């Protein structure tokens, strides 16, 4: 029997977690501590995106040691003492920096900020070019022609350097532009392909295809957030769920095969990819640095992965609480958002399989819990899940101890009921790193032993030297989990010839 709430565990980070060895709770509401003025055991962290500016530093509750940005004054150091040396050249006295004016405080047109340093116009020792009475000497004037030449050369050099640097750092890109994914053949909008049935439905025997649906519309407006090295794009749109009423961002990625004319009449399997932690306002699987899209692409080339469509929605409606992917009374309907609105959105915009054989989840930590629960709660809609370092019992504080509702959203109790029946087979692949602790592995193994019966098929993949972060879980997926899930899902079938 499950006990509520479940044992605390670290909040999930896409990058290696900086608080190993500390007892921190996923289910202990971050918002509660904020309301009560308690020190938070882990930070509010959002994954780095190239367009987001300076990344946040993952130091919980404390300021990280601040390093000055390029061009900013550094902290004054005590001068070193040297033996007196005979003077060689006359040089103006070095002036200390004054505080740089705020970025948005620009001088009136035609004027400039005074040079930095208290000696300039502030009664100090003065310096080159200082105002009258400051003690500075007027430097010799250069001719405007020569100054213009120097300025032109410097400008060209700077622009050239910025251009090269910007190209390397992806400053000059087409992010934000509109993106479309795979236009369907003329006259096929919303068309249903009956495909084939029976034992050959996933094999495409004699050119047949699994039952599929062309995009039903209305089409969403996608904006590119990242262009990958292979030319594919990660794009974002804003979705208001027709059933849940919740509005949140959704990121998508499709493999190159989706736009290949050979596959224009074929559906593609969908992998709904969920982050851990708060999962709001971003989904860190849309960050290319984690390598999820690359793992799928390389798996397709190696024949170990299907070309999945990746759908990456926000997991929660705010940063304060976990909602367990459920319709908690009085709260946004995140269960309906995930089980109905996200699939409906995907069907409206992409060529998808009509059966559950084309629908699966993958998630980390709290996202793994939601994916696991969705498969157990809706085995008629979803077939499989890769659950990375996941929870196995609901623990949101928003349940307020309502055991009946919690039981209805408990993957263990749902799996127990499925294991005793003859319903459709569901597939679970747990991933767990050896650095996550023996108790976590024991908990998942117990889940597998208790409920991995009958139509509930459970396997566990242990990632050597793996920790509770997205990088290691992607590594585990390339080691075997992507191949595992690809074997149980429907596959796209290209045109003959």
Protein backbone atom coordinates (compact mmCIF):
# COMPACT_ATOMS: atom_id res chain seq x y z
CA UNK A 1 0.00 0.00 0.00
CA UNK A 2 1.22 3.49 -0.79
CA UNK A 3 1.85 6.06 1.87
CA UNK A 4 1.21 9.76 1.19
CA UNK A 5 3.17 11.84 0.66
CA UNK A 6 5.98 9.83 -0.86
CA UNK A 7 9.56 10.00 0.41
CA UNK A 8 11.13 13.35 -0.53
CA UNK A 9 13.62 13.36 -3.37
CA UNK A 10 15.63 16.04 -5.22
CA UNK A 11 13.96 18.35 -7.64
CA UNK A 12 14.92 17.46 -11.19
CA UNK A 13 17.37 19.58 -13.14
CA UNK A 14 18.19 19.22 -16.82
CA UNK A 15 21.82 19.72 -15.92
CA UNK A 16 23.85 17.93 -13.20
CA UNK A 17 22.19 18.63 -9.87
CA UNK A 18 24.29 20.82 -7.51
CA UNK A 19 22.76 19.66 -4.21
CA UNK A 20 23.66 15.98 -3.93
CA UNK A 21 23.41 14.61 -0.43
CA UNK A 22 20.75 17.05 0.74
CA UNK A 23 17.27 15.86 1.64
CA UNK A 24 14.92 17.82 -0.56
CA UNK A 25 11.33 17.13 -1.47
CA UNK A 26 9.60 17.14 -4.81
CA UNK A 27 6.30 16.92 -3.02
CA UNK A 28 7.12 19.57 -0.44
CA UNK A 29 5.58 22.55 -2.11
CA UNK A 30 8.06 25.25 -2.99
CA UNK A 31 5.29 27.81 -2.67
CA UNK A 32 4.54 26.77 0.88
CA UNK A 33 8.04 27.65 1.99
CA UNK A 34 7.80 30.96 0.23
CA UNK A 35 4.54 31.84 1.92
CA UNK A 36 5.93 30.98 5.35
CA UNK A 37 9.26 32.71 4.88
CA UNK A 38 11.24 29.49 5.06
CA UNK A 39 14.52 29.02 3.31
CA UNK A 40 14.02 27.01 0.16
CA UNK A 41 16.09 23.86 -0.23
CA UNK A 42 16.46 24.23 -3.96
CA UNK A 43 16.33 27.09 -6.45
CA UNK A 44 13.78 28.29 -8.90
CA UNK A 45 15.70 27.32 -12.00
CA UNK A 46 14.87 27.76 -15.65
CA UNK A 47 16.97 26.11 -18.35
CA UNK A 48 19.16 28.27 -20.45
CA UNK A 49 17.82 29.30 -23.84
CA UNK A 50 19.99 31.25 -26.26
CA UNK A 51 17.40 34.02 -26.47
CA UNK A 52 17.00 34.34 -22.73
CA UNK A 53 20.13 36.43 -22.12
CA UNK A 54 22.43 35.80 -19.21
CA UNK A 55 21.72 32.37 -17.71
CA UNK A 56 20.69 32.07 -14.13
CA UNK A 57 23.14 30.59 -11.67
CA UNK A 58 21.81 27.47 -9.91
CA UNK A 59 22.68 28.43 -6.37
CA UNK A 60 19.75 27.81 -4.04
CA UNK A 61 18.75 30.80 -2.02
CA UNK A 62 22.19 32.43 -2.14
CA UNK A 63 23.84 34.71 -4.57
CA UNK A 64 26.52 33.16 -6.71
CA UNK A 65 29.95 34.78 -6.72
CA UNK A 66 29.47 37.51 -9.26
CA UNK A 67 32.03 37.77 -12.02
CA UNK A 68 32.11 41.07 -13.90
CA UNK A 69 30.82 41.08 -17.45
CA UNK A 70 33.20 42.02 -20.20
CA UNK A 71 33.72 45.77 -20.11
CA UNK A 72 32.51 46.19 -16.52
CA UNK A 73 34.90 47.55 -13.87
CA UNK A 74 36.46 45.00 -11.60
CA UNK A 75 36.82 45.39 -7.87
CA UNK A 76 39.68 47.64 -6.90
CA UNK A 77 42.75 45.81 -5.66
CA UNK A 78 45.31 47.06 -3.17
CA UNK A 79 48.33 48.43 -5.08
CA UNK A 80 51.49 46.39 -5.00
CA UNK A 81 54.62 47.94 -3.57
CA UNK A 82 57.59 48.16 -5.89
CA UNK A 83 61.06 49.60 -5.49
CA UNK A 84 61.32 53.12 -6.94
CA UNK A 85 62.34 53.16 -10.57
CA UNK A 86 63.65 56.11 -12.54
CA UNK A 87 60.89 57.65 -14.68
CA UNK A 88 61.04 56.87 -18.38
CA UNK A 89 57.99 58.46 -19.91
CA UNK A 90 55.60 61.04 -18.67
CA UNK A 91 52.14 59.53 -18.35
CA UNK A 92 48.88 60.94 -17.09
CA UNK A 93 47.74 59.67 -13.72
CA UNK A 94 45.47 56.62 -13.92
CA UNK A 95 41.92 57.41 -12.98
CA UNK A 96 39.63 55.07 -11.05
CA UNK A 97 36.43 54.11 -12.75
CA UNK A 98 33.22 55.71 -11.76
CA UNK A 99 30.05 53.69 -11.78
CA UNK A 100 28.82 52.99 -15.30
CA UNK A 101 25.50 54.73 -16.03
CA UNK A 102 22.47 52.46 -16.37
CA UNK A 103 21.95 51.01 -19.84
CA UNK A 104 18.71 52.85 -20.45
CA UNK A 105 20.03 56.26 -19.33
CA UNK A 106 21.36 57.71 -22.55
CA UNK A 107 22.63 61.31 -22.81
CA UNK A 108 20.72 63.88 -24.85
CA UNK A 109 21.28 63.83 -28.59
CA UNK A 110 24.66 65.29 -29.53
CA UNK A 111 26.12 64.88 -26.03
CA UNK A 112 28.17 62.17 -24.41
CA UNK A 113 28.53 60.80 -20.94
CA UNK A 114 31.57 62.28 -19.17
CA UNK A 115 34.57 59.97 -19.09
CA UNK A 116 34.55 57.50 -16.22
CA UNK A 117 36.43 58.49 -13.07
CA UNK A 118 35.73 60.90 -10.21
CA UNK A 119 38.50 63.21 -11.40
CA UNK A 120 36.52 64.30 -14.45
CA UNK A 121 34.45 67.28 -13.52
CA UNK A 122 34.16 66.10 -9.92
CA UNK A 123 37.01 67.96 -8.27
CA UNK A 124 39.45 65.10 -8.52
CA UNK A 125 42.97 65.00 -9.78
CA UNK A 126 41.89 65.36 -13.36
CA UNK A 127 43.17 63.52 -16.36
CA UNK A 128 43.47 63.66 -20.10
CA UNK A 129 40.70 65.65 -21.57
CA UNK A 130 39.37 66.68 -18.18
CA UNK A 131 37.34 69.86 -17.88
CA UNK A 132 38.89 73.11 -16.89
CA UNK A 133 39.90 73.26 -13.29
CA UNK A 134 40.20 69.53 -12.94
CA UNK A 135 43.96 69.50 -13.12
CA UNK A 136 44.04 67.62 -16.44
CA UNK A 137 46.05 68.66 -19.47
CA UNK A 138 44.53 69.04 -22.92
CA UNK A 139 45.98 66.36 -25.23
CA UNK A 140 47.22 67.30 -28.70
CA UNK A 141 44.40 67.34 -31.25
CA UNK A 142 44.45 64.89 -34.15
CA UNK A 143 43.24 65.88 -37.55
CA UNK A 144 39.63 64.90 -38.29
CA UNK A 145 40.73 63.15 -41.48
CA UNK A 146 43.16 60.94 -39.64
CA UNK A 147 40.64 60.31 -36.86
CA UNK A 148 38.07 59.35 -39.48
CA UNK A 149 40.48 56.86 -41.03
CA UNK A 150 41.19 55.29 -37.67
CA UNK A 151 37.50 55.12 -36.79
CA UNK A 152 36.65 53.49 -40.12
CA UNK A 153 39.35 50.84 -39.76
CA UNK A 154 38.34 50.11 -36.17
CA UNK A 155 34.65 49.89 -37.14
CA UNK A 156 35.35 47.43 -39.97
CA UNK A 157 37.52 45.30 -37.70
CA UNK A 158 34.91 45.31 -34.95
CA UNK A 159 32.09 44.43 -37.32
CA UNK A 160 34.14 41.64 -38.86
CA UNK A 161 34.96 40.25 -35.43
CA UNK A 162 31.37 40.55 -34.27
CA UNK A 163 30.17 38.85 -37.43
CA UNK A 164 32.44 35.86 -36.94
CA UNK A 165 31.69 35.67 -33.24
CA UNK A 166 27.97 36.10 -33.79
CA UNK A 167 27.97 33.34 -36.39
CA UNK A 168 29.68 31.01 -33.94
CA UNK A 169 27.39 32.00 -31.07
CA UNK A 170 24.21 31.88 -33.17
CA UNK A 171 23.47 35.58 -32.67
CA UNK A 172 22.46 36.03 -36.29
CA UNK A 173 19.78 33.41 -36.84
CA UNK A 174 16.22 33.01 -37.98
CA UNK A 175 14.73 32.34 -34.56
CA UNK A 176 11.31 33.85 -34.20
CA UNK A 177 10.36 33.25 -37.83
CA UNK A 178 7.21 31.36 -38.75
CA UNK A 179 7.62 27.62 -39.26
CA UNK A 180 5.43 25.08 -41.04
CA UNK A 181 5.82 21.34 -40.81
CA UNK A 182 5.12 19.04 -43.75
CA UNK A 183 2.28 20.28 -45.90
CA UNK A 184 -0.19 17.44 -46.63
CA UNK A 185 -0.97 16.52 -50.24
CA UNK A 186 -3.68 18.63 -51.84
CA UNK A 187 -7.20 17.59 -50.92
CA UNK A 188 -6.17 15.38 -47.99
CA UNK A 189 -6.71 17.79 -45.09
CA UNK A 190 -8.32 15.78 -42.30
CA UNK A 191 -8.57 12.68 -44.49
CA UNK A 192 -8.65 9.34 -42.71
CA UNK A 193 -6.61 6.45 -44.12
CA UNK A 194 -8.15 3.17 -42.95
CA UNK A 195 -4.79 1.43 -43.34
CA UNK A 196 -4.62 -2.27 -42.55
CA UNK A 197 -5.58 -4.23 -39.48
CA UNK A 198 -4.58 -7.40 -37.71
CA UNK A 199 -1.10 -8.80 -37.31
CA UNK A 200 0.25 -6.87 -40.30
CA UNK A 201 -0.89 -3.42 -39.22
CA UNK A 202 2.59 -2.36 -38.04
CA UNK A 203 4.47 -4.01 -40.91
CA UNK A 204 2.96 -2.29 -43.90
CA UNK A 205 2.51 -5.59 -45.75
CA UNK A 206 1.94 -5.18 -49.50
CA UNK A 207 2.33 -1.43 -49.14
CA UNK A 208 -0.42 -1.11 -46.53
CA UNK A 209 -0.05 1.38 -43.67
CA UNK A 210 -1.31 1.54 -40.12
CA UNK A 211 -4.49 3.59 -39.83
CA UNK A 212 -3.64 7.28 -39.87
CA UNK A 213 -5.10 10.76 -39.95
CA UNK A 214 -3.96 13.78 -41.90
CA UNK A 215 -3.83 17.04 -39.90
CA UNK A 216 -7.34 17.97 -38.94
CA UNK A 217 -6.69 21.67 -38.24
CA UNK A 218 -6.97 24.40 -37.35
CA UNK A 219 -3.24 24.86 -37.85
CA UNK A 220 -1.28 26.47 -35.02
CA UNK A 221 1.13 29.35 -35.57
CA UNK A 222 4.63 28.10 -34.84
CA UNK A 223 7.68 30.29 -34.27
CA UNK A 224 11.18 28.87 -34.47
CA UNK A 225 13.15 28.83 -31.22
CA UNK A 226 16.13 26.79 -32.44
CA UNK A 227 17.47 25.54 -35.73
CA UNK A 228 19.49 22.35 -35.36
CA UNK A 229 22.58 21.36 -37.30
CA UNK A 230 20.63 19.03 -39.59
CA UNK A 231 18.30 21.84 -40.65
CA UNK A 232 15.34 20.75 -38.53
CA UNK A 233 13.69 23.23 -36.19
CA UNK A 234 12.31 23.36 -32.68
CA UNK A 235 9.31 25.69 -32.68
CA UNK A 236 6.87 27.03 -30.13
CA UNK A 237 3.22 27.95 -30.10
CA UNK A 238 0.68 29.10 -27.54
CA UNK A 239 -2.20 26.71 -26.92
CA UNK A 240 -5.48 27.17 -25.10
CA UNK A 241 -6.89 23.74 -24.40
CA UNK A 242 -10.45 23.33 -25.60
CA UNK A 243 -11.23 20.84 -22.84
CA UNK A 244 -9.11 22.08 -19.93
CA UNK A 245 -9.31 25.82 -20.62
CA UNK A 246 -5.66 26.08 -19.61
CA UNK A 247 -3.32 28.19 -21.76
CA UNK A 248 0.34 27.26 -22.01
CA UNK A 249 3.29 26.99 -24.37
CA UNK A 250 4.03 23.91 -26.43
CA UNK A 251 7.30 23.20 -28.27
CA UNK A 252 7.48 20.75 -31.16
CA UNK A 253 10.13 19.05 -33.26
CA UNK A 254 9.72 16.75 -36.25
CA UNK A 255 12.44 14.59 -37.81
CA UNK A 256 13.71 15.18 -41.35
CA UNK A 257 11.74 12.15 -42.56
CA UNK A 258 8.50 13.96 -41.82
CA UNK A 259 9.12 16.39 -44.69
CA UNK A 260 10.42 13.68 -47.04
CA UNK A 261 7.97 13.29 -49.97
CA UNK A 262 8.25 9.51 -49.60
CA UNK A 263 6.46 9.79 -46.24
CA UNK A 264 3.84 12.36 -47.31
CA UNK A 265 1.05 9.83 -46.83
CA UNK A 266 2.43 8.19 -43.69
CA UNK A 267 1.71 8.88 -40.05
CA UNK A 268 4.48 9.30 -37.48
CA UNK A 269 4.67 8.12 -33.86
CA UNK A 270 4.40 10.80 -31.16
CA UNK A 271 6.59 11.01 -28.04
CA UNK A 272 5.15 13.51 -25.56
CA UNK A 273 8.28 14.63 -23.69
CA UNK A 274 7.87 16.06 -20.19
CA UNK A 275 10.44 17.87 -18.01
CA UNK A 276 11.01 17.41 -14.32
CA UNK A 277 10.90 20.04 -11.63
CA UNK A 278 8.20 22.65 -11.97
CA UNK A 279 8.07 22.34 -15.74
CA UNK A 280 6.94 25.95 -16.08
CA UNK A 281 7.16 28.31 -17.93
CA UNK A 282 9.50 26.30 -20.15
CA UNK A 283 10.07 22.68 -21.13
CA UNK A 284 13.80 22.04 -21.03
CA UNK A 285 13.62 19.28 -23.65
CA UNK A 286 13.35 22.16 -26.13
CA UNK A 287 16.94 23.07 -25.22
CA UNK A 288 19.16 21.55 -27.90
CA UNK A 289 22.07 21.17 -25.47
CA UNK A 290 20.40 18.18 -23.81
CA UNK A 291 20.56 16.32 -27.11
CA UNK A 292 17.13 14.66 -27.19
CA UNK A 293 16.49 15.57 -30.82
CA UNK A 294 20.01 14.53 -31.79
CA UNK A 295 19.52 11.18 -30.03
CA UNK A 296 16.41 10.48 -32.10
CA UNK A 297 18.11 11.59 -35.33
CA UNK A 298 21.17 9.42 -34.74
CA UNK A 299 18.97 6.53 -33.67
CA UNK A 300 17.03 6.74 -36.95
CA UNK A 301 20.30 6.61 -38.90
CA UNK A 302 21.50 3.63 -36.86
CA UNK A 303 18.17 1.84 -37.13
CA UNK A 304 17.65 1.87 -33.36
CA UNK A 305 14.92 4.52 -33.14
CA UNK A 306 11.76 5.45 -34.96
CA UNK A 307 11.52 9.03 -36.27
CA UNK A 308 9.37 10.34 -33.45
CA UNK A 309 7.51 13.62 -33.44
CA UNK A 310 8.46 15.28 -30.15
CA UNK A 311 5.71 17.26 -28.42
CA UNK A 312 7.03 19.24 -25.44
CA UNK A 313 4.31 21.03 -23.44
CA UNK A 314 4.62 22.87 -20.15
CA UNK A 315 3.98 20.49 -17.27
CA UNK A 316 2.44 22.78 -14.66
CA UNK A 317 0.53 26.10 -14.70
CA UNK A 318 2.89 27.93 -12.34
CA UNK A 319 6.18 27.69 -10.45
CA UNK A 320 4.68 27.24 -7.02
CA UNK A 321 3.21 23.75 -7.04
CA UNK A 322 3.23 20.29 -8.58
CA UNK A 323 -0.13 19.27 -9.99
CA UNK A 324 0.63 15.57 -10.62
CA UNK A 325 -0.77 15.87 -14.16
CA UNK A 326 -4.23 15.68 -12.63
CA UNK A 327 -7.52 17.54 -12.38
CA UNK A 328 -7.24 18.56 -8.74
CA UNK A 329 -10.47 20.23 -7.54
CA UNK A 330 -10.26 24.00 -7.64
CA UNK A 331 -7.06 23.95 -9.72
CA UNK A 332 -6.26 24.16 -13.46
CA UNK A 333 -7.18 20.87 -15.15
CA UNK A 334 -3.70 19.62 -15.94
CA UNK A 335 -4.87 16.03 -16.33
CA UNK A 336 -7.26 17.06 -19.10
CA UNK A 337 -4.58 19.29 -20.62
CA UNK A 338 -2.18 16.37 -20.90
CA UNK A 339 -4.59 13.54 -21.77
CA UNK A 340 -6.90 15.37 -24.20
CA UNK A 341 -5.74 18.83 -25.24
CA UNK A 342 -2.15 17.91 -26.12
CA UNK A 343 -3.16 14.90 -28.28
CA UNK A 344 -5.91 16.96 -29.96
CA UNK A 345 -3.41 19.72 -30.72
CA UNK A 346 -0.99 17.18 -32.18
CA UNK A 347 -3.66 15.60 -34.38
CA UNK A 348 -4.68 19.05 -35.61
CA UNK A 349 -1.18 19.83 -36.85
CA UNK A 350 0.56 16.56 -37.75
CA UNK A 351 0.06 13.25 -39.52
CA UNK A 352 -0.64 10.86 -36.66
CA UNK A 353 -1.74 7.29 -36.08
CA UNK A 354 -5.37 6.87 -35.16
CA UNK A 355 -4.62 4.05 -32.72
CA UNK A 356 -2.77 4.17 -29.42
CA UNK A 357 0.14 2.33 -31.11
CA UNK A 358 1.45 5.72 -32.23
CA UNK A 359 1.31 7.51 -28.86
CA UNK A 360 3.80 7.40 -25.98
CA UNK A 361 5.31 9.49 -23.18
CA UNK A 362 8.83 10.20 -21.96
CA UNK A 363 9.58 12.24 -18.86
CA UNK A 364 11.96 13.01 -16.01
CA UNK A 365 11.20 12.93 -12.30
CA UNK A 366 7.80 14.60 -11.82
CA UNK A 367 7.32 14.43 -15.60
CA UNK A 368 8.02 10.70 -15.44
CA UNK A 369 5.28 10.36 -12.86
CA UNK A 370 2.81 12.14 -15.15
CA UNK A 371 3.78 10.00 -18.16
CA UNK A 372 3.50 6.80 -16.11
CA UNK A 373 0.13 7.82 -14.75
CA UNK A 374 -1.21 8.76 -18.19
CA UNK A 375 -0.37 5.34 -19.64
CA UNK A 376 -1.94 3.52 -16.70
CA UNK A 377 -4.96 5.82 -16.58
CA UNK A 378 -5.62 5.84 -20.33
CA UNK A 379 -4.33 2.57 -21.81
CA UNK A 380 -6.76 3.01 -24.68
CA UNK A 381 -4.95 6.23 -25.76
CA UNK A 382 -1.29 5.69 -24.89
CA UNK A 383 0.81 2.57 -25.26
CA UNK A 384 4.20 3.15 -23.64
CA UNK A 385 6.32 5.40 -21.43
CA UNK A 386 10.00 5.94 -20.69
CA UNK A 387 10.00 7.07 -17.06
CA UNK A 388 13.33 8.59 -15.99
CA UNK A 389 14.07 8.65 -12.25
CA UNK A 390 10.36 8.94 -11.71
CA UNK A 391 7.96 9.09 -8.83
CA UNK A 392 5.37 6.34 -8.49
CA UNK A 393 2.78 7.93 -6.18
CA UNK A 394 0.95 11.29 -6.19
CA UNK A 395 2.38 13.78 -3.73
CA UNK A 396 1.13 17.24 -4.64
CA UNK A 397 0.20 19.22 -1.50
CA UNK A 398 -2.82 20.52 -3.41
CA UNK A 399 -4.63 17.21 -2.81
CA UNK A 400 -4.99 18.21 0.85
CA UNK A 401 -5.03 14.55 1.85
CA UNK A 402 -8.00 13.56 -0.32
CA UNK A 403 -7.10 9.86 -0.46
CA UNK A 404 -9.93 8.86 -2.80
CA UNK A 405 -8.85 11.32 -5.47
CA UNK A 406 -5.19 10.50 -4.94
CA UNK A 407 -5.89 6.80 -5.37
CA UNK A 408 -7.65 7.56 -8.66
CA UNK A 409 -4.41 9.19 -9.85
CA UNK A 410 -1.99 6.66 -8.35
CA UNK A 411 0.01 4.78 -11.03
CA UNK A 412 0.50 1.83 -8.69
CA UNK A 413 -3.19 1.34 -7.99
CA UNK A 414 -4.03 1.85 -11.66
CA UNK A 415 -1.34 -0.66 -12.68
CA UNK A 416 -2.59 -3.17 -10.12
CA UNK A 417 -6.06 -3.02 -11.63
CA UNK A 418 -4.69 -3.37 -15.18
CA UNK A 419 -2.46 -6.30 -14.23
CA UNK A 420 -5.46 -8.31 -13.05
CA UNK A 421 -7.40 -7.75 -16.28
CA UNK A 422 -7.17 -8.66 -19.92
CA UNK A 423 -7.05 -5.14 -21.27
CA UNK A 424 -4.59 -3.73 -23.80
CA UNK A 425 -0.90 -4.21 -23.11
CA UNK A 426 1.00 -1.21 -21.79
CA UNK A 427 4.78 -0.88 -21.72
CA UNK A 428 6.92 0.86 -19.09
CA UNK A 429 10.67 1.40 -19.22
CA UNK A 430 12.10 2.83 -16.01
CA UNK A 431 15.48 4.56 -16.24
CA UNK A 432 17.52 5.10 -13.11
CA UNK A 433 21.14 6.20 -12.62
CA UNK A 434 23.51 4.44 -10.25
CA UNK A 435 24.26 7.78 -8.57
CA UNK A 436 20.61 8.29 -7.64
CA UNK A 437 20.79 5.88 -4.72
CA UNK A 438 19.91 2.29 -3.97
CA UNK A 439 16.57 3.24 -2.42
CA UNK A 440 15.33 4.75 -5.67
CA UNK A 441 16.33 1.66 -7.62
CA UNK A 442 14.71 -0.58 -5.01
CA UNK A 443 11.49 1.42 -5.22
CA UNK A 444 11.26 1.04 -9.01
CA UNK A 445 12.17 -2.63 -8.84
CA UNK A 446 9.40 -3.17 -6.30
CA UNK A 447 6.94 -1.43 -8.63
CA UNK A 448 8.06 -3.74 -11.42
CA UNK A 449 7.71 -6.84 -9.21
CA UNK A 450 4.30 -5.89 -7.81
CA UNK A 451 2.60 -4.72 -11.00
CA UNK A 452 4.61 -6.03 -13.96
CA UNK A 453 2.13 -8.79 -14.65
CA UNK A 454 -0.37 -9.72 -17.33
CA UNK A 455 -0.80 -6.87 -19.79
CA UNK A 456 1.52 -4.55 -17.80
CA UNK A 457 5.04 -4.98 -19.22
CA UNK A 458 7.78 -3.31 -17.16
CA UNK A 459 11.55 -3.20 -17.65
CA UNK A 460 14.23 -1.20 -15.81
CA UNK A 461 17.36 0.22 -17.41
CA UNK A 462 20.16 1.15 -15.00
CA UNK A 463 22.46 3.92 -16.27
CA UNK A 464 26.01 3.40 -15.04
CA UNK A 465 27.36 6.55 -13.34
CA UNK A 466 24.05 8.21 -14.22
CA UNK A 467 22.57 10.93 -12.05
CA UNK A 468 19.20 12.68 -11.78
CA UNK A 469 19.56 14.95 -14.82
CA UNK A 470 18.52 15.20 -18.46
CA UNK A 471 21.95 14.57 -19.95
CA UNK A 472 22.33 11.18 -18.29
CA UNK A 473 18.79 10.16 -19.15
CA UNK A 474 19.37 10.96 -22.81
CA UNK A 475 22.49 8.83 -22.61
CA UNK A 476 20.37 6.01 -21.23
CA UNK A 477 17.93 6.44 -24.09
CA UNK A 478 20.73 6.04 -26.62
CA UNK A 479 21.99 2.98 -24.75
CA UNK A 480 18.74 1.12 -25.27
CA UNK A 481 15.54 2.81 -24.15
CA UNK A 482 14.83 4.44 -27.52
CA UNK A 483 15.31 1.09 -29.22
CA UNK A 484 13.05 -0.55 -26.64
CA UNK A 485 10.17 1.85 -27.17
CA UNK A 486 10.61 1.81 -30.95
CA UNK A 487 9.94 -1.92 -30.99
CA UNK A 488 6.47 -1.53 -29.47
CA UNK A 489 5.30 1.52 -31.42
CA UNK A 490 3.79 1.87 -34.90
CA UNK A 491 6.29 2.90 -37.52
CA UNK A 492 5.95 5.19 -40.55
CA UNK A 493 5.87 3.47 -43.92
CA UNK A 494 7.29 5.25 -47.02
CA UNK A 495 5.76 5.04 -50.46
CA UNK A 496 6.80 1.95 -52.44
CA UNK A 497 9.63 2.70 -54.86
